Amino acid sequence: MAAADLSAFPITRKWPAQHPERLQLYSLNTPNGIKVSLMLEELGLPYEPHLVRFDKDDQMTPEFLSLNPNNKIPAILDPNGPGGKPLALFESGAILIYLAEKTGKFMSTDPAARYETIQWVMFQMGGIGPMFGQIGFFHKFAGKEYEDKRPRDRYVAESRRLLGVLNERLKGRQWIMGDDYTIADMTTFPWVRNLVGFYEAGSLVGFDDFTEVRRVLDAFLARPAVQRAVNIPKRPE
């Protein structure tokens, strides 16, 4: 494939593309970042990962903001977007839907099942991600020093409610959408992994009560693509 011309995108000045014919990923291996590296690993698409370092405020640079004005990871630049033209995208959920539709994989083409899958992606985007993230702040980071525990307890209660919804959905199902592993799982389980792993909040939310979620989390973590994706982009030593 001929190399694409990505020079019109300022982000390539800070993160030059060594392989401009490949999809460019700008990310960090947080739960939201892992979603997209995981999707790309599962698909086997050629891509070039670029590390966006929060400790150096990379996400606030003009080059990054030119691609994502919301200064969050992940973001992509696909040199072979619709009509063969480059496409820049941010928001992990939007990127997963785009890649699923581009490749015809990990989301049903049946209209009803497609919308149901998107529904569960939105459930994660609007609920699980924000609520679990607040638990991280109040349990592991600066918020843990707050004497008033009511904010923490509010997010714990809401996270337990969301885990209960997910647990009920998974009863009698291998994955969120049934037998098929989809972008609904890819968007949800990096956050569940983070809740009980990095945030160390399993006991706080009573994670052992949610046996179906635990079962599917274990199956998710056993996937080779997941095991690769959690270290992409590679952090500096």
C-alpha atoms as a PDB file:
ATOM      1  CA  MET A   1       0.000   0.000   0.000  1.00  0.00           C
ATOM      2  CA  ALA A   2       1.318   3.446  -0.896  1.00  0.00           C
ATOM      3  CA  ALA A   3       2.179   5.685   2.016  1.00  0.00           C
ATOM      4  CA  ALA A   4      -0.587   8.109   2.875  1.00  0.00           C
ATOM      5  CA  ASP A   5       0.101  11.809   3.156  1.00  0.00           C
ATOM      6  CA  LEU A   6      -0.731  12.776   6.731  1.00  0.00           C
ATOM      7  CA  SER A   7       1.137  16.091   6.689  1.00  0.00           C
ATOM      8  CA  ALA A   8      -2.109  18.060   6.903  1.00  0.00           C
ATOM      9  CA  PHE A   9      -2.601  16.768  10.461  1.00  0.00           C
ATOM     10  CA  PRO A  10      -0.538  18.783  13.002  1.00  0.00           C
ATOM     11  CA  ILE A  11      -0.449  15.842  15.416  1.00  0.00           C
ATOM     12  CA  THR A  12       2.051  14.113  13.116  1.00  0.00           C
ATOM     13  CA  ARG A  13       4.574  16.864  13.828  1.00  0.00           C
ATOM     14  CA  LYS A  14       4.848  15.816  17.473  1.00  0.00           C
ATOM     15  CA  TRP A  15       4.313  12.105  16.821  1.00  0.00           C
ATOM     16  CA  PRO A  16       5.767  11.458  13.344  1.00  0.00           C
ATOM     17  CA  ALA A  17       4.321   8.451  11.559  1.00  0.00           C
ATOM     18  CA  GLN A  18       7.005   5.896  10.767  1.00  0.00           C
ATOM     19  CA  HIS A  19       4.370   3.905   8.890  1.00  0.00           C
ATOM     20  CA  PRO A  20       1.886   6.474   7.523  1.00  0.00           C
ATOM     21  CA  GLU A  21      -0.024   3.783   5.642  1.00  0.00           C
ATOM     22  CA  ARG A  22      -1.069   2.290   9.003  1.00  0.00           C
ATOM     23  CA  LEU A  23      -3.738   3.476  11.390  1.00  0.00           C
ATOM     24  CA  GLN A  24      -2.167   5.841  13.929  1.00  0.00           C
ATOM     25  CA  LEU A  25      -3.148   5.374  17.589  1.00  0.00           C
ATOM     26  CA  TYR A  26      -2.488   8.107  20.165  1.00  0.00           C
ATOM     27  CA  SER A  27      -3.073   6.630  23.573  1.00  0.00           C
ATOM     28  CA  LEU A  28      -2.015   5.531  27.042  1.00  0.00           C
ATOM     29  CA  ASN A  29      -2.794   2.168  28.620  1.00  0.00           C
ATOM     30  CA  THR A  30      -5.608   3.385  30.846  1.00  0.00           C
ATOM     31  CA  PRO A  31      -8.998   1.607  30.660  1.00  0.00           C
ATOM     32  CA  ASN A  32     -10.195   3.904  27.873  1.00  0.00           C
ATOM     33  CA  GLY A  33      -6.944   3.581  25.993  1.00  0.00           C
ATOM     34  CA  ILE A  34      -6.857  -0.204  26.304  1.00  0.00           C
ATOM     35  CA  LYS A  35     -10.260  -0.446  24.613  1.00  0.00           C
ATOM     36  CA  VAL A  36      -8.863   0.674  21.269  1.00  0.00           C
ATOM     37  CA  SER A  37      -5.483  -1.101  21.412  1.00  0.00           C
ATOM     38  CA  LEU A  38      -7.475  -4.224  22.315  1.00  0.00           C
ATOM     39  CA  MET A  39      -9.829  -3.824  19.364  1.00  0.00           C
ATOM     40  CA  LEU A  40      -6.893  -3.348  17.012  1.00  0.00           C
ATOM     41  CA  GLU A  41      -5.122  -6.393  18.441  1.00  0.00           C
ATOM     42  CA  GLU A  42      -8.262  -8.509  18.115  1.00  0.00           C
ATOM     43  CA  LEU A  43      -8.727  -7.361  14.514  1.00  0.00           C
ATOM     44  CA  GLY A  44      -5.102  -7.848  13.549  1.00  0.00           C
ATOM     45  CA  LEU A  45      -5.104  -4.517  11.729  1.00  0.00           C
ATOM     46  CA  PRO A  46      -1.703  -2.917  11.173  1.00  0.00           C
ATOM     47  CA  TYR A  47      -1.374   0.157  13.348  1.00  0.00           C
ATOM     48  CA  GLU A  48       1.264   2.402  14.861  1.00  0.00           C
ATOM     49  CA  PRO A  49       0.859   3.258  18.568  1.00  0.00           C
ATOM     50  CA  HIS A  50       2.068   6.576  19.964  1.00  0.00           C
ATOM     51  CA  LEU A  51       2.384   7.122  23.709  1.00  0.00           C
ATOM     52  CA  VAL A  52       0.612  10.229  25.028  1.00  0.00           C
ATOM     53  CA  ARG A  53       2.326  10.976  28.327  1.00  0.00           C
ATOM     54  CA  PHE A  54       0.097  12.621  30.912  1.00  0.00           C
ATOM     55  CA  ASP A  55       3.099  13.139  33.190  1.00  0.00           C
ATOM     56  CA  LYS A  56       4.451  15.485  30.513  1.00  0.00           C
ATOM     57  CA  ASP A  57       1.049  17.025  29.668  1.00  0.00           C
ATOM     58  CA  ASP A  58       1.237  15.705  26.119  1.00  0.00           C
ATOM     59  CA  GLN A  59      -2.556  15.792  25.994  1.00  0.00           C
ATOM     60  CA  MET A  60      -2.514  19.583  26.416  1.00  0.00           C
ATOM     61  CA  THR A  61      -0.155  20.314  23.529  1.00  0.00           C
ATOM     62  CA  PRO A  62      -1.471  22.129  20.442  1.00  0.00           C
ATOM     63  CA  GLU A  63      -0.610  19.101  18.307  1.00  0.00           C
ATOM     64  CA  PHE A  64      -2.755  16.738  20.365  1.00  0.00           C
ATOM     65  CA  LEU A  65      -5.568  19.258  20.738  1.00  0.00           C
ATOM     66  CA  SER A  66      -5.659  19.601  16.962  1.00  0.00           C
ATOM     67  CA  LEU A  67      -6.878  15.990  16.864  1.00  0.00           C
ATOM     68  CA  ASN A  68      -8.880  15.915  20.087  1.00  0.00           C
ATOM     69  CA  PRO A  69      -9.955  19.304  21.466  1.00  0.00           C
ATOM     70  CA  ASN A  70     -11.247  17.462  24.547  1.00  0.00           C
ATOM     71  CA  ASN A  71      -7.621  16.585  25.495  1.00  0.00           C
ATOM     72  CA  LYS A  72      -8.394  12.947  26.316  1.00  0.00           C
ATOM     73  CA  ILE A  73      -7.041   9.660  25.034  1.00  0.00           C
ATOM     74  CA  PRO A  74      -7.465   7.630  22.923  1.00  0.00           C
ATOM     75  CA  ALA A  75      -7.594   9.188  19.481  1.00  0.00           C
ATOM     76  CA  ILE A  76      -6.877   7.731  16.071  1.00  0.00           C
ATOM     77  CA  LEU A  77      -5.926   8.873  12.622  1.00  0.00           C
ATOM     78  CA  ASP A  78      -6.943   6.349   9.986  1.00  0.00           C
ATOM     79  CA  PRO A  79      -5.171   7.069   6.675  1.00  0.00           C
ATOM     80  CA  ASN A  80      -7.711   4.876   4.881  1.00  0.00           C
ATOM     81  CA  GLY A  81     -10.997   6.243   6.165  1.00  0.00           C
ATOM     82  CA  PRO A  82     -14.323   6.516   4.331  1.00  0.00           C
ATOM     83  CA  GLY A  83     -13.822   7.183   0.656  1.00  0.00           C
ATOM     84  CA  GLY A  84     -10.130   6.394   1.025  1.00  0.00           C
ATOM     85  CA  LYS A  85      -9.514   9.703   2.791  1.00  0.00           C
ATOM     86  CA  PRO A  86      -7.829  10.091   6.206  1.00  0.00           C
ATOM     87  CA  LEU A  87     -10.207  10.201   9.168  1.00  0.00           C
ATOM     88  CA  ALA A  88      -9.411  11.517  12.651  1.00  0.00           C
ATOM     89  CA  LEU A  89     -11.552  10.334  15.558  1.00  0.00           C
ATOM     90  CA  PHE A  90     -11.642  10.683  19.333  1.00  0.00           C
ATOM     91  CA  GLU A  91     -13.900   9.124  22.031  1.00  0.00           C
ATOM     92  CA  SER A  92     -13.213   5.437  22.595  1.00  0.00           C
ATOM     93  CA  GLY A  93     -16.812   4.344  22.031  1.00  0.00           C
ATOM     94  CA  ALA A  94     -17.000   6.120  18.687  1.00  0.00           C
ATOM     95  CA  ILE A  95     -13.674   4.597  17.645  1.00  0.00           C
ATOM     96  CA  LEU A  96     -14.836   1.068  18.531  1.00  0.00           C
ATOM     97  CA  ILE A  97     -18.064   1.481  16.566  1.00  0.00           C
ATOM     98  CA  TYR A  98     -16.134   2.875  13.608  1.00  0.00           C
ATOM     99  CA  LEU A  99     -13.622   0.013  13.585  1.00  0.00           C
ATOM    100  CA  ALA A 100     -16.386  -2.582  13.972  1.00  0.00           C
ATOM    101  CA  GLU A 101     -18.279  -1.148  11.015  1.00  0.00           C
ATOM    102  CA  LYS A 102     -15.111  -0.682   8.956  1.00  0.00           C
ATOM    103  CA  THR A 103     -14.136  -4.331   9.346  1.00  0.00           C
ATOM    104  CA  GLY A 104     -17.499  -6.029   9.825  1.00  0.00           C
ATOM    105  CA  LYS A 105     -16.257  -7.649  13.030  1.00  0.00           C
ATOM    106  CA  PHE A 106     -17.198  -7.655  16.731  1.00  0.00           C
ATOM    107  CA  MET A 107     -20.624  -6.091  16.147  1.00  0.00           C
ATOM    108  CA  SER A 108     -23.556  -7.776  14.443  1.00  0.00           C
ATOM    109  CA  THR A 109     -24.783  -6.393  11.150  1.00  0.00           C
ATOM    110  CA  ASP A 110     -28.311  -7.363  12.144  1.00  0.00           C
ATOM    111  CA  PRO A 111     -29.937  -3.985  12.905  1.00  0.00           C
ATOM    112  CA  ALA A 112     -31.547  -5.035  16.192  1.00  0.00           C
ATOM    113  CA  ALA A 113     -28.417  -6.729  17.547  1.00  0.00           C
ATOM    114  CA  ARG A 114     -26.276  -3.843  16.314  1.00  0.00           C
ATOM    115  CA  TYR A 115     -28.277  -1.294  18.261  1.00  0.00           C
ATOM    116  CA  GLU A 116     -28.379  -3.525  21.317  1.00  0.00           C
ATOM    117  CA  THR A 117     -24.588  -3.750  21.225  1.00  0.00           C
ATOM    118  CA  ILE A 118     -24.289   0.026  20.927  1.00  0.00           C
ATOM    119  CA  GLN A 119     -26.703   0.311  23.857  1.00  0.00           C
ATOM    120  CA  TRP A 120     -24.274  -1.614  26.095  1.00  0.00           C
ATOM    121  CA  VAL A 121     -21.337   0.450  24.835  1.00  0.00           C
ATOM    122  CA  MET A 122     -23.259   3.563  25.928  1.00  0.00           C
ATOM    123  CA  PHE A 123     -24.026   1.906  29.281  1.00  0.00           C
ATOM    124  CA  GLN A 124     -20.295   1.717  29.890  1.00  0.00           C
ATOM    125  CA  MET A 125     -19.533   5.175  28.525  1.00  0.00           C
ATOM    126  CA  GLY A 126     -22.221   6.923  30.560  1.00  0.00           C
ATOM    127  CA  GLY A 127     -22.183   4.817  33.722  1.00  0.00           C
ATOM    128  CA  ILE A 128     -19.418   2.341  34.429  1.00  0.00           C
ATOM    129  CA  GLY A 129     -16.536   4.528  33.259  1.00  0.00           C
ATOM    130  CA  PRO A 130     -17.460   7.731  35.085  1.00  0.00           C
ATOM    131  CA  MET A 131     -18.566   5.996  38.293  1.00  0.00           C
ATOM    132  CA  PHE A 132     -15.596   3.641  38.531  1.00  0.00           C
ATOM    133  CA  GLY A 133     -13.320   6.594  37.788  1.00  0.00           C
ATOM    134  CA  GLN A 134     -14.769   8.508  40.726  1.00  0.00           C
ATOM    135  CA  ILE A 135     -14.108   5.531  42.975  1.00  0.00           C
ATOM    136  CA  GLY A 136     -10.509   5.629  41.811  1.00  0.00           C
ATOM    137  CA  PHE A 137     -10.257   9.288  42.824  1.00  0.00           C
ATOM    138  CA  PHE A 138     -11.886   8.875  46.230  1.00  0.00           C
ATOM    139  CA  HIS A 139     -10.307   5.511  47.106  1.00  0.00           C
ATOM    140  CA  LYS A 140      -6.801   5.608  45.626  1.00  0.00           C
ATOM    141  CA  PHE A 141      -5.906   9.167  44.701  1.00  0.00           C
ATOM    142  CA  ALA A 142      -6.278  12.601  46.316  1.00  0.00           C
ATOM    143  CA  GLY A 143      -9.877  12.090  47.374  1.00  0.00           C
ATOM    144  CA  LYS A 144      -8.893   9.356  49.819  1.00  0.00           C
ATOM    145  CA  GLU A 145      -7.614  12.087  52.141  1.00  0.00           C
ATOM    146  CA  TYR A 146     -11.057  13.701  52.394  1.00  0.00           C
ATOM    147  CA  GLU A 147     -12.513  13.243  55.855  1.00  0.00           C
ATOM    148  CA  ASP A 148     -16.071  13.357  54.542  1.00  0.00           C
ATOM    149  CA  LYS A 149     -16.691   9.889  53.105  1.00  0.00           C
ATOM    150  CA  ARG A 150     -20.146  10.660  51.732  1.00  0.00           C
ATOM    151  CA  PRO A 151     -18.914  11.381  48.181  1.00  0.00           C
ATOM    152  CA  ARG A 152     -16.959   8.117  48.116  1.00  0.00           C
ATOM    153  CA  ASP A 153     -19.893   6.159  49.475  1.00  0.00           C
ATOM    154  CA  ARG A 154     -22.214   7.654  46.869  1.00  0.00           C
ATOM    155  CA  TYR A 155     -19.997   6.401  44.050  1.00  0.00           C
ATOM    156  CA  VAL A 156     -19.540   3.035  45.732  1.00  0.00           C
ATOM    157  CA  ALA A 157     -23.316   2.593  45.925  1.00  0.00           C
ATOM    158  CA  GLU A 158     -23.803   3.592  42.298  1.00  0.00           C
ATOM    159  CA  SER A 159     -20.966   1.329  41.163  1.00  0.00           C
ATOM    160  CA  ARG A 160     -22.528  -1.591  43.010  1.00  0.00           C
ATOM    161  CA  ARG A 161     -25.819  -0.844  41.280  1.00  0.00           C
ATOM    162  CA  LEU A 162     -24.123  -0.828  37.874  1.00  0.00           C
ATOM    163  CA  LEU A 163     -22.279  -4.059  38.643  1.00  0.00           C
ATOM    164  CA  GLY A 164     -25.640  -5.557  39.574  1.00  0.00           C
ATOM    165  CA  VAL A 165     -27.106  -4.536  36.214  1.00  0.00           C
ATOM    166  CA  LEU A 166     -24.145  -6.077  34.407  1.00  0.00           C
ATOM    167  CA  ASN A 167     -24.263  -9.216  36.558  1.00  0.00           C
ATOM    168  CA  GLU A 168     -27.933  -9.748  35.737  1.00  0.00           C
ATOM    169  CA  ARG A 169     -27.278  -9.241  32.025  1.00  0.00           C
ATOM    170  CA  LEU A 170     -24.548 -11.894  32.022  1.00  0.00           C
ATOM    171  CA  LYS A 171     -26.661 -14.646  33.586  1.00  0.00           C
ATOM    172  CA  GLY A 172     -26.971 -17.433  31.045  1.00  0.00           C
ATOM    173  CA  ARG A 173     -24.714 -15.594  28.591  1.00  0.00           C
ATOM    174  CA  GLN A 174     -21.084 -16.183  27.699  1.00  0.00           C
ATOM    175  CA  TRP A 175     -20.568 -12.495  26.927  1.00  0.00           C
ATOM    176  CA  ILE A 176     -22.680  -9.346  27.140  1.00  0.00           C
ATOM    177  CA  MET A 177     -24.306 -10.063  23.774  1.00  0.00           C
ATOM    178  CA  GLY A 178     -24.531 -13.816  24.268  1.00  0.00           C
ATOM    179  CA  ASP A 179     -22.200 -16.245  22.503  1.00  0.00           C
ATOM    180  CA  ASP A 180     -20.470 -13.504  20.534  1.00  0.00           C
ATOM    181  CA  TYR A 181     -17.621 -11.442  21.955  1.00  0.00           C
ATOM    182  CA  THR A 182     -18.219  -7.853  20.862  1.00  0.00           C
ATOM    183  CA  ILE A 183     -17.185  -4.250  21.369  1.00  0.00           C
ATOM    184  CA  ALA A 184     -19.601  -4.202  24.327  1.00  0.00           C
ATOM    185  CA  ASP A 185     -17.185  -6.495  26.183  1.00  0.00           C
ATOM    186  CA  MET A 186     -14.125  -4.615  24.956  1.00  0.00           C
ATOM    187  CA  THR A 187     -15.460  -1.346  26.314  1.00  0.00           C
ATOM    188  CA  THR A 188     -16.681  -2.718  29.660  1.00  0.00           C
ATOM    189  CA  PHE A 189     -14.120  -5.134  31.013  1.00  0.00           C
ATOM    190  CA  PRO A 190     -11.024  -2.912  30.916  1.00  0.00           C
ATOM    191  CA  TRP A 191     -12.894  -0.788  33.472  1.00  0.00           C
ATOM    192  CA  VAL A 192     -13.877  -3.792  35.597  1.00  0.00           C
ATOM    193  CA  ARG A 193     -10.243  -4.911  35.506  1.00  0.00           C
ATOM    194  CA  ASN A 194      -9.133  -1.472  36.638  1.00  0.00           C
ATOM    195  CA  LEU A 195     -11.676  -1.312  39.460  1.00  0.00           C
ATOM    196  CA  VAL A 196     -10.451  -4.482  41.145  1.00  0.00           C
ATOM    197  CA  GLY A 197      -6.830  -4.161  40.013  1.00  0.00           C
ATOM    198  CA  PHE A 198      -5.262  -0.723  39.813  1.00  0.00           C
ATOM    199  CA  TYR A 199      -7.929   0.986  41.958  1.00  0.00           C
ATOM    200  CA  GLU A 200      -7.805  -1.889  44.507  1.00  0.00           C
ATOM    201  CA  ALA A 201     -11.501  -1.347  45.180  1.00  0.00           C
ATOM    202  CA  GLY A 202     -12.791  -4.915  44.947  1.00  0.00           C
ATOM    203  CA  SER A 203     -13.486  -5.185  48.670  1.00  0.00           C
ATOM    204  CA  LEU A 204     -14.919  -1.685  48.796  1.00  0.00           C
ATOM    205  CA  VAL A 205     -17.634  -2.488  46.231  1.00  0.00           C
ATOM    206  CA  GLY A 206     -18.120  -6.094  47.370  1.00  0.00           C
ATOM    207  CA  PHE A 207     -16.969  -7.454  44.025  1.00  0.00           C
ATOM    208  CA  ASP A 208     -17.249 -11.077  45.147  1.00  0.00           C
ATOM    209  CA  ASP A 209     -21.034 -10.632  45.194  1.00  0.00           C
ATOM    210  CA  PHE A 210     -21.048 -10.346  41.399  1.00  0.00           C
ATOM    211  CA  THR A 211     -20.142 -13.878  40.384  1.00  0.00           C
ATOM    212  CA  GLU A 212     -21.202 -13.517  36.739  1.00  0.00           C
ATOM    213  CA  VAL A 213     -19.078 -10.411  36.289  1.00  0.00           C
ATOM    214  CA  ARG A 214     -16.102 -12.201  37.831  1.00  0.00           C
ATOM    215  CA  ARG A 215     -16.630 -15.193  35.529  1.00  0.00           C
ATOM    216  CA  VAL A 216     -16.636 -13.055  32.391  1.00  0.00           C
ATOM    217  CA  LEU A 217     -13.764 -10.871  33.624  1.00  0.00           C
ATOM    218  CA  ASP A 218     -11.641 -14.005  33.988  1.00  0.00           C
ATOM    219  CA  ALA A 219     -12.546 -15.108  30.444  1.00  0.00           C
ATOM    220  CA  PHE A 220     -11.751 -11.615  29.161  1.00  0.00           C
ATOM    221  CA  LEU A 221      -8.339 -11.518  30.859  1.00  0.00           C
ATOM    222  CA  ALA A 222      -7.463 -14.916  29.377  1.00  0.00           C
ATOM    223  CA  ARG A 223      -7.691 -13.611  25.812  1.00  0.00           C
ATOM    224  CA  PRO A 224      -4.234 -13.214  24.220  1.00  0.00           C
ATOM    225  CA  ALA A 225      -5.205  -9.893  22.620  1.00  0.00           C
ATOM    226  CA  VAL A 226      -6.145  -8.516  26.040  1.00  0.00           C
ATOM    227  CA  GLN A 227      -2.820  -9.612  27.494  1.00  0.00           C
ATOM    228  CA  ARG A 228      -1.016  -7.747  24.725  1.00  0.00           C
ATOM    229  CA  ALA A 229      -3.221  -4.678  24.737  1.00  0.00           C
ATOM    230  CA  VAL A 230      -2.792  -3.811  28.420  1.00  0.00           C
ATOM    231  CA  ASN A 231       0.828  -2.875  27.639  1.00  0.00           C
ATOM    232  CA  ILE A 232       0.117  -0.829  24.477  1.00  0.00           C
ATOM    233  CA  PRO A 233       1.416   1.801  24.020  1.00  0.00           C
ATOM    234  CA  LYS A 234       4.446   0.706  25.993  1.00  0.00           C
ATOM    235  CA  ARG A 235       5.248   3.048  28.856  1.00  0.00           C
ATOM    236  CA  PRO A 236       8.844   4.254  29.307  1.00  0.00           C
ATOM    237  CA  GLU A 237      11.008   2.203  31.655  1.00  0.00           C
END
